[in-house]
Amino acid sequence: MTQIRHFISTGTLKPGTQLPTVRQLAGFLRINPSTVARALADLEREGFIEGHQGRGTFVTGRPPRESRAARSLERLVGESLERARRLGFTAEEFLAALASSQPAGRASKAVRHRVLLVECNHAELTRYRDELEAELPLQIDRMLVEEFEARVNQDPTFVKAYRVVITTFFHIHEVRRVMPPDAPPSVALLAEASIKTLLRLTELPEGTTVGLVCASAAGGQNLLRSVQSAGLMHITPVLASTDDSWSIDRMLEKTRIVVSSEHAVKQIRGLLPPDVELVVADRRLDRGGIDMLCDLLAQMDEDGQVHA
């Protein structure tokens, strides 16, 4: 809910855009449909989306109250900076004065939370770690999905060393399936390309053949499972991987729409004819997910839990 709200507030999902159905969202992200239904119901109450019987759910044309408040705050900051400049102060001096104006005892050094990041390949583990550590005071340990399952089976208590276990929606079901009952919270972050890719696939005409390209056959199977779980029966997927040139040639004989993982896009881009549409599933963590994680860690601090 937090992350879809962020897409709408930043204009990634524009007014009038039709959202995928509950079944499609739940299947593509591989989460419980009731979770998706509750999130959409809450978003509709907040004014971000509106449902129309028999037509679907759409991004509302009127800006929610929260967005108006955020824009008002931005204007206030901008006006204050401009006044400071007119008085001869730099932006750095303005920010220093603002920081020193905090009530006594409130300022403190940020605590670096130790968390575990679980993903399916080393490239995404590195990229997501760098994104999160650049935004939040985190000390991140990394582990592949299969390594995580084996480690939990060997020693279920090892996860207690972490404040939070972080993964993406593509793997949250695998992580939670093996987590012990007294484990720390597990958080699924949404990659920006996930919903945008799903939106593009849902609007394709009946019978469209779509190429699914990853750097390996295993990655292609993972993307295929998401497409099948979303119930996208109106498209015909064709798998290909950059480590198998024959599969690329076979795919291009059948389709002019290709969905490629970020790891495969450099190799595949030069092989595509000009008339092929390339949808890059870059899977960069979205701002809303990072904000959600920040709020969770802050709430855990307020609850008085001991730092790991």
C-alpha atoms as a PDB file:
ATOM      1  CA  MET A   1       0.000   0.000   0.000  1.00  0.00           C
ATOM      2  CA  THR A   2       2.814   2.401   0.933  1.00  0.00           C
ATOM      3  CA  GLN A   3       4.661   1.698  -2.269  1.00  0.00           C
ATOM      4  CA  ILE A   4       1.666   1.977  -4.615  1.00  0.00           C
ATOM      5  CA  ARG A   5       0.801   5.267  -2.890  1.00  0.00           C
ATOM      6  CA  HIS A   6       4.330   6.436  -3.679  1.00  0.00           C
ATOM      7  CA  PHE A   7       3.952   5.510  -7.373  1.00  0.00           C
ATOM      8  CA  ILE A   8       0.779   7.604  -7.560  1.00  0.00           C
ATOM      9  CA  SER A   9       2.160  10.575  -5.615  1.00  0.00           C
ATOM     10  CA  THR A  10       5.270  10.781  -7.819  1.00  0.00           C
ATOM     11  CA  GLY A  11       3.358  10.411 -11.079  1.00  0.00           C
ATOM     12  CA  THR A  12       4.673   6.962 -12.008  1.00  0.00           C
ATOM     13  CA  LEU A  13       1.025   5.889 -12.015  1.00  0.00           C
ATOM     14  CA  LYS A  14      -0.852   8.792 -13.609  1.00  0.00           C
ATOM     15  CA  PRO A  15      -4.519   9.795 -13.085  1.00  0.00           C
ATOM     16  CA  GLY A  16      -6.798   7.564 -15.118  1.00  0.00           C
ATOM     17  CA  THR A  17      -4.383   4.634 -15.193  1.00  0.00           C
ATOM     18  CA  GLN A  18      -6.178   1.348 -14.676  1.00  0.00           C
ATOM     19  CA  LEU A  19      -4.535  -0.831 -12.044  1.00  0.00           C
ATOM     20  CA  PRO A  20      -4.113  -4.568 -12.517  1.00  0.00           C
ATOM     21  CA  THR A  21      -6.727  -6.710 -10.817  1.00  0.00           C
ATOM     22  CA  VAL A  22      -6.290  -8.127  -7.321  1.00  0.00           C
ATOM     23  CA  ARG A  23      -5.588 -11.532  -8.850  1.00  0.00           C
ATOM     24  CA  GLN A  24      -2.981 -10.127 -11.228  1.00  0.00           C
ATOM     25  CA  LEU A  25      -1.156  -8.104  -8.570  1.00  0.00           C
ATOM     26  CA  ALA A  26      -1.214 -10.957  -6.063  1.00  0.00           C
ATOM     27  CA  GLY A  27      -0.081 -13.492  -8.639  1.00  0.00           C
ATOM     28  CA  PHE A  28       2.677 -11.396 -10.201  1.00  0.00           C
ATOM     29  CA  LEU A  29       4.081 -10.393  -6.789  1.00  0.00           C
ATOM     30  CA  ARG A  30       3.230 -13.840  -5.359  1.00  0.00           C
ATOM     31  CA  ILE A  31       1.490 -12.621  -2.228  1.00  0.00           C
ATOM     32  CA  ASN A  32      -1.906 -13.326  -0.651  1.00  0.00           C
ATOM     33  CA  PRO A  33      -4.859 -11.855  -2.613  1.00  0.00           C
ATOM     34  CA  SER A  34      -6.486 -10.702   0.624  1.00  0.00           C
ATOM     35  CA  THR A  35      -3.394  -8.601   1.337  1.00  0.00           C
ATOM     36  CA  VAL A  36      -3.723  -6.890  -2.042  1.00  0.00           C
ATOM     37  CA  ALA A  37      -7.469  -6.398  -1.583  1.00  0.00           C
ATOM     38  CA  ARG A  38      -6.985  -4.718   1.809  1.00  0.00           C
ATOM     39  CA  ALA A  39      -4.263  -2.462   0.419  1.00  0.00           C
ATOM     40  CA  LEU A  40      -6.444  -1.339  -2.500  1.00  0.00           C
ATOM     41  CA  ALA A  41      -9.432  -0.767  -0.204  1.00  0.00           C
ATOM     42  CA  ASP A  42      -7.331   1.452   2.063  1.00  0.00           C
ATOM     43  CA  LEU A  43      -5.946   3.358  -0.931  1.00  0.00           C
ATOM     44  CA  GLU A  44      -9.484   3.978  -2.150  1.00  0.00           C
ATOM     45  CA  ARG A  45     -10.535   5.317   1.262  1.00  0.00           C
ATOM     46  CA  GLU A  46      -7.559   7.691   1.158  1.00  0.00           C
ATOM     47  CA  GLY A  47      -8.587   8.953  -2.274  1.00  0.00           C
ATOM     48  CA  PHE A  48      -5.676   7.611  -4.295  1.00  0.00           C
ATOM     49  CA  ILE A  49      -7.758   5.214  -6.396  1.00  0.00           C
ATOM     50  CA  GLU A  50     -11.400   4.589  -7.176  1.00  0.00           C
ATOM     51  CA  GLY A  51     -13.173   1.407  -8.194  1.00  0.00           C
ATOM     52  CA  HIS A  52     -15.903   1.245 -10.843  1.00  0.00           C
ATOM     53  CA  GLN A  53     -18.215  -1.743 -10.840  1.00  0.00           C
ATOM     54  CA  GLY A  54     -17.582  -3.882 -13.892  1.00  0.00           C
ATOM     55  CA  ARG A  55     -14.784  -1.638 -15.198  1.00  0.00           C
ATOM     56  CA  GLY A  56     -11.935  -1.938 -12.733  1.00  0.00           C
ATOM     57  CA  THR A  57      -9.844   0.221 -10.411  1.00  0.00           C
ATOM     58  CA  PHE A  58      -8.287   3.490 -11.583  1.00  0.00           C
ATOM     59  CA  VAL A  59      -5.900   6.106 -10.247  1.00  0.00           C
ATOM     60  CA  THR A  60      -8.034   9.040  -9.158  1.00  0.00           C
ATOM     61  CA  GLY A  61      -7.852  12.381 -10.940  1.00  0.00           C
ATOM     62  CA  ARG A  62      -7.972  14.435  -7.766  1.00  0.00           C
ATOM     63  CA  PRO A  63      -4.762  14.755  -5.690  1.00  0.00           C
ATOM     64  CA  PRO A  64      -5.090  13.092  -2.273  1.00  0.00           C
ATOM     65  CA  ARG A  65      -4.826  15.262   0.785  1.00  0.00           C
ATOM     66  CA  GLU A  66      -1.431  13.787   1.662  1.00  0.00           C
ATOM     67  CA  SER A  67      -0.011  14.860  -1.710  1.00  0.00           C
ATOM     68  CA  ARG A  68      -1.303  18.406  -1.295  1.00  0.00           C
ATOM     69  CA  ALA A  69       0.296  18.599   2.153  1.00  0.00           C
ATOM     70  CA  ALA A  70       3.602  17.331   0.792  1.00  0.00           C
ATOM     71  CA  ARG A  71       3.561  19.958  -1.952  1.00  0.00           C
ATOM     72  CA  SER A  72       2.778  22.653   0.620  1.00  0.00           C
ATOM     73  CA  LEU A  73       5.792  21.599   2.662  1.00  0.00           C
ATOM     74  CA  GLU A  74       7.979  21.689  -0.447  1.00  0.00           C
ATOM     75  CA  ARG A  75       6.781  25.221  -1.201  1.00  0.00           C
ATOM     76  CA  LEU A  76       7.494  26.273   2.396  1.00  0.00           C
ATOM     77  CA  VAL A  77      11.048  24.913   2.218  1.00  0.00           C
ATOM     78  CA  GLY A  78      11.627  26.558  -1.157  1.00  0.00           C
ATOM     79  CA  GLU A  79      10.343  29.929   0.032  1.00  0.00           C
ATOM     80  CA  SER A  80      12.478  29.759   3.181  1.00  0.00           C
ATOM     81  CA  LEU A  81      15.591  28.923   1.162  1.00  0.00           C
ATOM     82  CA  GLU A  82      14.912  31.802  -1.194  1.00  0.00           C
ATOM     83  CA  ARG A  83      14.495  34.262   1.683  1.00  0.00           C
ATOM     84  CA  ALA A  84      17.761  33.011   3.207  1.00  0.00           C
ATOM     85  CA  ARG A  85      19.539  33.568  -0.123  1.00  0.00           C
ATOM     86  CA  ARG A  86      18.188  37.105  -0.354  1.00  0.00           C
ATOM     87  CA  LEU A  87      19.606  37.764   3.098  1.00  0.00           C
ATOM     88  CA  GLY A  88      23.014  36.591   1.920  1.00  0.00           C
ATOM     89  CA  PHE A  89      23.057  33.094   3.440  1.00  0.00           C
ATOM     90  CA  THR A  90      24.016  29.929   1.574  1.00  0.00           C
ATOM     91  CA  ALA A  91      21.863  26.804   1.480  1.00  0.00           C
ATOM     92  CA  GLU A  92      24.447  25.066   3.704  1.00  0.00           C
ATOM     93  CA  GLU A  93      24.201  27.847   6.312  1.00  0.00           C
ATOM     94  CA  PHE A  94      20.409  27.631   6.193  1.00  0.00           C
ATOM     95  CA  LEU A  95      20.480  23.863   6.773  1.00  0.00           C
ATOM     96  CA  ALA A  96      23.005  24.209   9.603  1.00  0.00           C
ATOM     97  CA  ALA A  97      20.788  26.791  11.306  1.00  0.00           C
ATOM     98  CA  LEU A  98      17.759  24.531  10.844  1.00  0.00           C
ATOM     99  CA  ALA A  99      19.585  21.553  12.368  1.00  0.00           C
ATOM    100  CA  SER A 100      20.762  23.611  15.368  1.00  0.00           C
ATOM    101  CA  SER A 101      17.193  24.767  16.030  1.00  0.00           C
ATOM    102  CA  GLN A 102      16.020  21.275  17.058  1.00  0.00           C
ATOM    103  CA  PRO A 103      14.819  20.990  20.673  1.00  0.00           C
ATOM    104  CA  ALA A 104      17.554  20.034  23.126  1.00  0.00           C
ATOM    105  CA  GLY A 105      18.043  16.315  23.573  1.00  0.00           C
ATOM    106  CA  ARG A 106      16.287  15.352  20.347  1.00  0.00           C
ATOM    107  CA  ALA A 107      19.323  15.137  18.076  1.00  0.00           C
ATOM    108  CA  SER A 108      21.281  11.922  18.240  1.00  0.00           C
ATOM    109  CA  LYS A 109      23.573   9.920  16.067  1.00  0.00           C
ATOM    110  CA  ALA A 110      21.722   7.486  13.846  1.00  0.00           C
ATOM    111  CA  VAL A 111      21.938   3.878  14.968  1.00  0.00           C
ATOM    112  CA  ARG A 112      23.194   1.471  12.318  1.00  0.00           C
ATOM    113  CA  HIS A 113      20.754  -1.420  12.309  1.00  0.00           C
ATOM    114  CA  ARG A 114      22.090  -4.812  11.370  1.00  0.00           C
ATOM    115  CA  VAL A 115      19.777  -6.398   8.775  1.00  0.00           C
ATOM    116  CA  LEU A 116      19.877  -9.352   6.406  1.00  0.00           C
ATOM    117  CA  LEU A 117      19.188  -8.960   2.686  1.00  0.00           C
ATOM    118  CA  VAL A 118      18.047 -12.074   0.802  1.00  0.00           C
ATOM    119  CA  GLU A 119      17.858 -12.238  -3.002  1.00  0.00           C
ATOM    120  CA  CYS A 120      18.303 -14.716  -5.845  1.00  0.00           C
ATOM    121  CA  ASN A 121      21.566 -13.468  -7.361  1.00  0.00           C
ATOM    122  CA  HIS A 122      24.726 -11.660  -6.356  1.00  0.00           C
ATOM    123  CA  ALA A 123      24.225  -8.707  -8.726  1.00  0.00           C
ATOM    124  CA  GLU A 124      20.908  -7.703  -7.150  1.00  0.00           C
ATOM    125  CA  LEU A 125      22.241  -8.326  -3.649  1.00  0.00           C
ATOM    126  CA  THR A 126      25.032  -5.839  -4.310  1.00  0.00           C
ATOM    127  CA  ARG A 127      22.837  -3.237  -5.996  1.00  0.00           C
ATOM    128  CA  TYR A 128      20.063  -3.375  -3.394  1.00  0.00           C
ATOM    129  CA  ARG A 129      22.606  -3.242  -0.565  1.00  0.00           C
ATOM    130  CA  ASP A 130      24.177  -0.124  -2.052  1.00  0.00           C
ATOM    131  CA  GLU A 131      20.759   1.526  -2.540  1.00  0.00           C
ATOM    132  CA  LEU A 132      19.639   0.820   1.017  1.00  0.00           C
ATOM    133  CA  GLU A 133      22.900   1.745   2.729  1.00  0.00           C
ATOM    134  CA  ALA A 134      22.954   5.037   0.807  1.00  0.00           C
ATOM    135  CA  GLU A 135      19.502   5.903   2.174  1.00  0.00           C
ATOM    136  CA  LEU A 136      19.337   4.358   5.652  1.00  0.00           C
ATOM    137  CA  PRO A 137      21.699   3.734   8.601  1.00  0.00           C
ATOM    138  CA  LEU A 138      22.021   0.017   7.926  1.00  0.00           C
ATOM    139  CA  GLN A 139      24.709  -2.611   8.227  1.00  0.00           C
ATOM    140  CA  ILE A 140      23.628  -5.161   5.619  1.00  0.00           C
ATOM    141  CA  ASP A 141      24.627  -8.795   5.432  1.00  0.00           C
ATOM    142  CA  ARG A 142      23.748 -10.533   2.142  1.00  0.00           C
ATOM    143  CA  MET A 143      22.611 -14.058   1.403  1.00  0.00           C
ATOM    144  CA  LEU A 144      21.215 -15.927  -1.589  1.00  0.00           C
ATOM    145  CA  VAL A 145      17.739 -17.445  -1.230  1.00  0.00           C
ATOM    146  CA  GLU A 146      19.004 -21.019  -1.320  1.00  0.00           C
ATOM    147  CA  GLU A 147      21.768 -20.197   1.171  1.00  0.00           C
ATOM    148  CA  PHE A 148      19.220 -18.636   3.514  1.00  0.00           C
ATOM    149  CA  GLU A 149      17.001 -21.718   3.525  1.00  0.00           C
ATOM    150  CA  ALA A 150      19.954 -24.022   4.164  1.00  0.00           C
ATOM    151  CA  ARG A 151      21.249 -21.806   6.991  1.00  0.00           C
ATOM    152  CA  VAL A 152      17.845 -21.634   8.707  1.00  0.00           C
ATOM    153  CA  ASN A 153      17.483 -25.407   8.499  1.00  0.00           C
ATOM    154  CA  GLN A 154      20.928 -25.798  10.049  1.00  0.00           C
ATOM    155  CA  ASP A 155      20.559 -23.099  12.734  1.00  0.00           C
ATOM    156  CA  PRO A 156      17.135 -21.373  13.041  1.00  0.00           C
ATOM    157  CA  THR A 157      18.425 -18.995  15.724  1.00  0.00           C
ATOM    158  CA  PHE A 158      20.905 -17.192  13.464  1.00  0.00           C
ATOM    159  CA  VAL A 159      18.229 -14.754  12.202  1.00  0.00           C
ATOM    160  CA  LYS A 160      17.851 -13.339  15.721  1.00  0.00           C
ATOM    161  CA  ALA A 161      21.071 -11.403  15.144  1.00  0.00           C
ATOM    162  CA  TYR A 162      19.163  -9.154  12.717  1.00  0.00           C
ATOM    163  CA  ARG A 163      16.582  -6.430  13.244  1.00  0.00           C
ATOM    164  CA  VAL A 164      14.841  -7.178   9.954  1.00  0.00           C
ATOM    165  CA  VAL A 165      15.157  -9.669   7.104  1.00  0.00           C
ATOM    166  CA  ILE A 166      14.683  -7.855   3.784  1.00  0.00           C
ATOM    167  CA  THR A 167      13.825  -9.305   0.398  1.00  0.00           C
ATOM    168  CA  THR A 168      11.639  -8.480  -2.610  1.00  0.00           C
ATOM    169  CA  PHE A 169       8.084  -9.575  -3.344  1.00  0.00           C
ATOM    170  CA  PHE A 170       9.454 -12.162  -5.746  1.00  0.00           C
ATOM    171  CA  HIS A 171      11.027 -14.082  -2.843  1.00  0.00           C
ATOM    172  CA  ILE A 172       9.091 -13.122   0.288  1.00  0.00           C
ATOM    173  CA  HIS A 173       7.120 -16.377   0.172  1.00  0.00           C
ATOM    174  CA  GLU A 174      10.353 -18.402   0.121  1.00  0.00           C
ATOM    175  CA  VAL A 175      11.800 -16.421   3.027  1.00  0.00           C
ATOM    176  CA  ARG A 176       8.711 -16.549   5.241  1.00  0.00           C
ATOM    177  CA  ARG A 177       8.178 -20.241   4.559  1.00  0.00           C
ATOM    178  CA  VAL A 178      11.383 -21.150   6.422  1.00  0.00           C
ATOM    179  CA  MET A 179      11.460 -18.379   9.069  1.00  0.00           C
ATOM    180  CA  PRO A 180      11.175 -19.684  12.672  1.00  0.00           C
ATOM    181  CA  PRO A 181       8.165 -18.497  14.742  1.00  0.00           C
ATOM    182  CA  ASP A 182      10.173 -16.086  16.922  1.00  0.00           C
ATOM    183  CA  ALA A 183      12.133 -14.565  14.033  1.00  0.00           C
ATOM    184  CA  PRO A 184      12.452 -10.811  13.432  1.00  0.00           C
ATOM    185  CA  PRO A 185      10.101  -9.166  10.908  1.00  0.00           C
ATOM    186  CA  SER A 186      10.545 -10.034   7.242  1.00  0.00           C
ATOM    187  CA  VAL A 187       9.906  -7.162   4.835  1.00  0.00           C
ATOM    188  CA  ALA A 188       9.121  -7.403   1.117  1.00  0.00           C
ATOM    189  CA  LEU A 189      10.206  -4.402  -0.942  1.00  0.00           C
ATOM    190  CA  LEU A 190       8.675  -3.668  -4.303  1.00  0.00           C
ATOM    191  CA  ALA A 191      10.933  -3.122  -7.289  1.00  0.00           C
ATOM    192  CA  GLU A 192       9.697  -0.267  -9.476  1.00  0.00           C
ATOM    193  CA  ALA A 193       9.741  -2.327 -12.648  1.00  0.00           C
ATOM    194  CA  SER A 194       7.464  -4.980 -11.147  1.00  0.00           C
ATOM    195  CA  ILE A 195       4.213  -3.051 -11.384  1.00  0.00           C
ATOM    196  CA  LYS A 196       5.196  -1.144 -14.526  1.00  0.00           C
ATOM    197  CA  THR A 197       6.025  -4.414 -16.281  1.00  0.00           C
ATOM    198  CA  LEU A 198       2.738  -5.935 -15.142  1.00  0.00           C
ATOM    199  CA  LEU A 199       0.807  -2.885 -16.385  1.00  0.00           C
ATOM    200  CA  ARG A 200       2.386  -3.204 -19.838  1.00  0.00           C
ATOM    201  CA  LEU A 201       1.622  -6.913 -20.035  1.00  0.00           C
ATOM    202  CA  THR A 202      -2.024  -6.474 -19.000  1.00  0.00           C
ATOM    203  CA  GLU A 203      -2.695  -3.961 -21.804  1.00  0.00           C
ATOM    204  CA  LEU A 204      -1.384  -6.182 -24.604  1.00  0.00           C
ATOM    205  CA  PRO A 205      -3.968  -7.584 -27.059  1.00  0.00           C
ATOM    206  CA  GLU A 206      -5.236 -11.145 -26.786  1.00  0.00           C
ATOM    207  CA  GLY A 207      -2.835 -13.671 -28.315  1.00  0.00           C
ATOM    208  CA  THR A 208       0.295 -11.474 -28.142  1.00  0.00           C
ATOM    209  CA  THR A 209       3.542 -13.416 -27.944  1.00  0.00           C
ATOM    210  CA  VAL A 210       6.033 -11.939 -25.461  1.00  0.00           C
ATOM    211  CA  GLY A 211       9.694 -12.831 -25.070  1.00  0.00           C
ATOM    212  CA  LEU A 212      10.978 -13.181 -21.511  1.00  0.00           C
ATOM    213  CA  VAL A 213      14.756 -12.781 -21.449  1.00  0.00           C
ATOM    214  CA  CYS A 214      17.095 -13.208 -18.493  1.00  0.00           C
ATOM    215  CA  ALA A 215      20.786 -13.879 -18.100  1.00  0.00           C
ATOM    216  CA  SER A 216      20.094 -17.522 -17.296  1.00  0.00           C
ATOM    217  CA  ALA A 217      17.384 -20.123 -17.776  1.00  0.00           C
ATOM    218  CA  ALA A 218      16.648 -20.083 -14.021  1.00  0.00           C
ATOM    219  CA  GLY A 219      15.959 -16.350 -14.113  1.00  0.00           C
ATOM    220  CA  GLY A 220      13.592 -16.817 -17.035  1.00  0.00           C
ATOM    221  CA  GLN A 221      11.678 -19.510 -15.165  1.00  0.00           C
ATOM    222  CA  ASN A 222      11.300 -17.170 -12.195  1.00  0.00           C
ATOM    223  CA  LEU A 223       9.798 -14.444 -14.402  1.00  0.00           C
ATOM    224  CA  LEU A 224       7.578 -16.998 -16.130  1.00  0.00           C
ATOM    225  CA  ARG A 225       6.180 -18.130 -12.757  1.00  0.00           C
ATOM    226  CA  SER A 226       5.183 -14.546 -11.978  1.00  0.00           C
ATOM    227  CA  VAL A 227       3.437 -14.171 -15.341  1.00  0.00           C
ATOM    228  CA  GLN A 228       1.575 -17.456 -14.878  1.00  0.00           C
ATOM    229  CA  SER A 229       0.629 -16.667 -11.274  1.00  0.00           C
ATOM    230  CA  ALA A 230      -0.836 -13.335 -12.434  1.00  0.00           C
ATOM    231  CA  GLY A 231      -3.220 -15.240 -14.695  1.00  0.00           C
ATOM    232  CA  LEU A 232      -2.015 -13.428 -17.820  1.00  0.00           C
ATOM    233  CA  MET A 233      -3.510 -16.045 -20.098  1.00  0.00           C
ATOM    234  CA  HIS A 234      -4.020 -13.582 -22.962  1.00  0.00           C
ATOM    235  CA  ILE A 235      -0.286 -13.572 -23.780  1.00  0.00           C
ATOM    236  CA  THR A 236       1.982 -16.367 -24.978  1.00  0.00           C
ATOM    237  CA  PRO A 237       5.404 -16.257 -23.267  1.00  0.00           C
ATOM    238  CA  VAL A 238       8.578 -17.435 -24.997  1.00  0.00           C
ATOM    239  CA  LEU A 239      11.649 -17.916 -22.801  1.00  0.00           C
ATOM    240  CA  ALA A 240      15.180 -17.027 -23.802  1.00  0.00           C
ATOM    241  CA  SER A 241      18.484 -16.454 -22.045  1.00  0.00           C
ATOM    242  CA  THR A 242      21.587 -14.557 -23.078  1.00  0.00           C
ATOM    243  CA  ASP A 243      23.740 -17.604 -22.379  1.00  0.00           C
ATOM    244  CA  ASP A 244      21.900 -19.491 -25.157  1.00  0.00           C
ATOM    245  CA  SER A 245      22.067 -17.702 -28.528  1.00  0.00           C
ATOM    246  CA  TRP A 246      19.762 -20.259 -30.148  1.00  0.00           C
ATOM    247  CA  SER A 247      16.975 -19.372 -27.717  1.00  0.00           C
ATOM    248  CA  ILE A 248      17.309 -15.672 -28.625  1.00  0.00           C
ATOM    249  CA  ASP A 249      16.981 -16.439 -32.351  1.00  0.00           C
ATOM    250  CA  ARG A 250      13.966 -18.673 -31.725  1.00  0.00           C
ATOM    251  CA  MET A 251      12.296 -15.990 -29.616  1.00  0.00           C
ATOM    252  CA  LEU A 252      12.772 -13.261 -32.244  1.00  0.00           C
ATOM    253  CA  GLU A 253      11.119 -15.472 -34.851  1.00  0.00           C
ATOM    254  CA  LYS A 254       7.926 -15.371 -32.783  1.00  0.00           C
ATOM    255  CA  THR A 255       7.618 -11.940 -31.147  1.00  0.00           C
ATOM    256  CA  ARG A 256       8.236  -8.211 -31.394  1.00  0.00           C
ATOM    257  CA  ILE A 257       7.808  -7.509 -27.662  1.00  0.00           C
ATOM    258  CA  VAL A 258      10.588  -8.492 -25.277  1.00  0.00           C
ATOM    259  CA  VAL A 259      10.721  -8.188 -21.487  1.00  0.00           C
ATOM    260  CA  SER A 260      14.340  -8.314 -20.323  1.00  0.00           C
ATOM    261  CA  SER A 261      15.957  -8.371 -16.924  1.00  0.00           C
ATOM    262  CA  GLU A 262      18.503  -5.657 -16.228  1.00  0.00           C
ATOM    263  CA  HIS A 263      21.312  -8.236 -16.232  1.00  0.00           C
ATOM    264  CA  ALA A 264      20.451  -9.319 -19.760  1.00  0.00           C
ATOM    265  CA  VAL A 265      19.592  -5.974 -21.340  1.00  0.00           C
ATOM    266  CA  LYS A 266      23.126  -5.019 -22.394  1.00  0.00           C
ATOM    267  CA  GLN A 267      23.568  -8.236 -24.343  1.00  0.00           C
ATOM    268  CA  ILE A 268      20.055  -8.356 -25.782  1.00  0.00           C
ATOM    269  CA  ARG A 269      19.751  -4.700 -26.826  1.00  0.00           C
ATOM    270  CA  GLY A 270      22.252  -5.022 -29.665  1.00  0.00           C
ATOM    271  CA  LEU A 271      20.550  -8.165 -30.984  1.00  0.00           C
ATOM    272  CA  LEU A 272      17.061  -6.704 -31.375  1.00  0.00           C
ATOM    273  CA  PRO A 273      15.741  -5.371 -34.677  1.00  0.00           C
ATOM    274  CA  PRO A 274      14.462  -1.744 -34.626  1.00  0.00           C
ATOM    275  CA  ASP A 275      10.804  -2.819 -34.636  1.00  0.00           C
ATOM    276  CA  VAL A 276      11.086  -4.794 -31.370  1.00  0.00           C
ATOM    277  CA  GLU A 277       9.710  -3.165 -28.210  1.00  0.00           C
ATOM    278  CA  LEU A 278      12.059  -3.702 -25.263  1.00  0.00           C
ATOM    279  CA  VAL A 279      10.609  -3.552 -21.750  1.00  0.00           C
ATOM    280  CA  VAL A 280      13.439  -3.412 -19.218  1.00  0.00           C
ATOM    281  CA  ALA A 281      12.573  -4.961 -15.869  1.00  0.00           C
ATOM    282  CA  ASP A 282      15.316  -3.097 -13.997  1.00  0.00           C
ATOM    283  CA  ARG A 283      13.828  -3.890 -10.584  1.00  0.00           C
ATOM    284  CA  ARG A 284      15.295  -0.863  -8.785  1.00  0.00           C
ATOM    285  CA  LEU A 285      13.917  -0.521  -5.274  1.00  0.00           C
ATOM    286  CA  ASP A 286      11.295   2.210  -5.192  1.00  0.00           C
ATOM    287  CA  ARG A 287      11.340   5.185  -2.842  1.00  0.00           C
ATOM    288  CA  GLY A 288       8.124   4.138  -1.117  1.00  0.00           C
ATOM    289  CA  GLY A 289       9.619   0.823  -0.048  1.00  0.00           C
ATOM    290  CA  ILE A 290      12.678   2.509   1.430  1.00  0.00           C
ATOM    291  CA  ASP A 291      10.444   4.957   3.320  1.00  0.00           C
ATOM    292  CA  MET A 292       8.369   2.036   4.614  1.00  0.00           C
ATOM    293  CA  LEU A 293      11.480   0.282   5.907  1.00  0.00           C
ATOM    294  CA  CYS A 294      12.652   3.502   7.572  1.00  0.00           C
ATOM    295  CA  ASP A 295       9.279   3.862   9.339  1.00  0.00           C
ATOM    296  CA  LEU A 296       9.391   0.238  10.513  1.00  0.00           C
ATOM    297  CA  LEU A 297      12.857   0.639  12.044  1.00  0.00           C
ATOM    298  CA  ALA A 298      11.807   3.891  13.733  1.00  0.00           C
ATOM    299  CA  GLN A 299       8.716   2.190  15.167  1.00  0.00           C
ATOM    300  CA  MET A 300      10.835  -0.656  16.520  1.00  0.00           C
ATOM    301  CA  ASP A 301      13.045   1.916  18.283  1.00  0.00           C
ATOM    302  CA  GLU A 302       9.995   3.577  19.845  1.00  0.00           C
ATOM    303  CA  ASP A 303       8.777   0.211  21.101  1.00  0.00           C
ATOM    304  CA  GLY A 304      12.000  -0.122  23.065  1.00  0.00           C
ATOM    305  CA  GLN A 305      13.354  -3.233  21.409  1.00  0.00           C
ATOM    306  CA  VAL A 306      17.024  -3.949  21.966  1.00  0.00           C
ATOM    307  CA  HIS A 307      19.374  -3.252  19.047  1.00  0.00           C
ATOM    308  CA  ALA A 308      21.056  -6.290  17.543  1.00  0.00           C
END
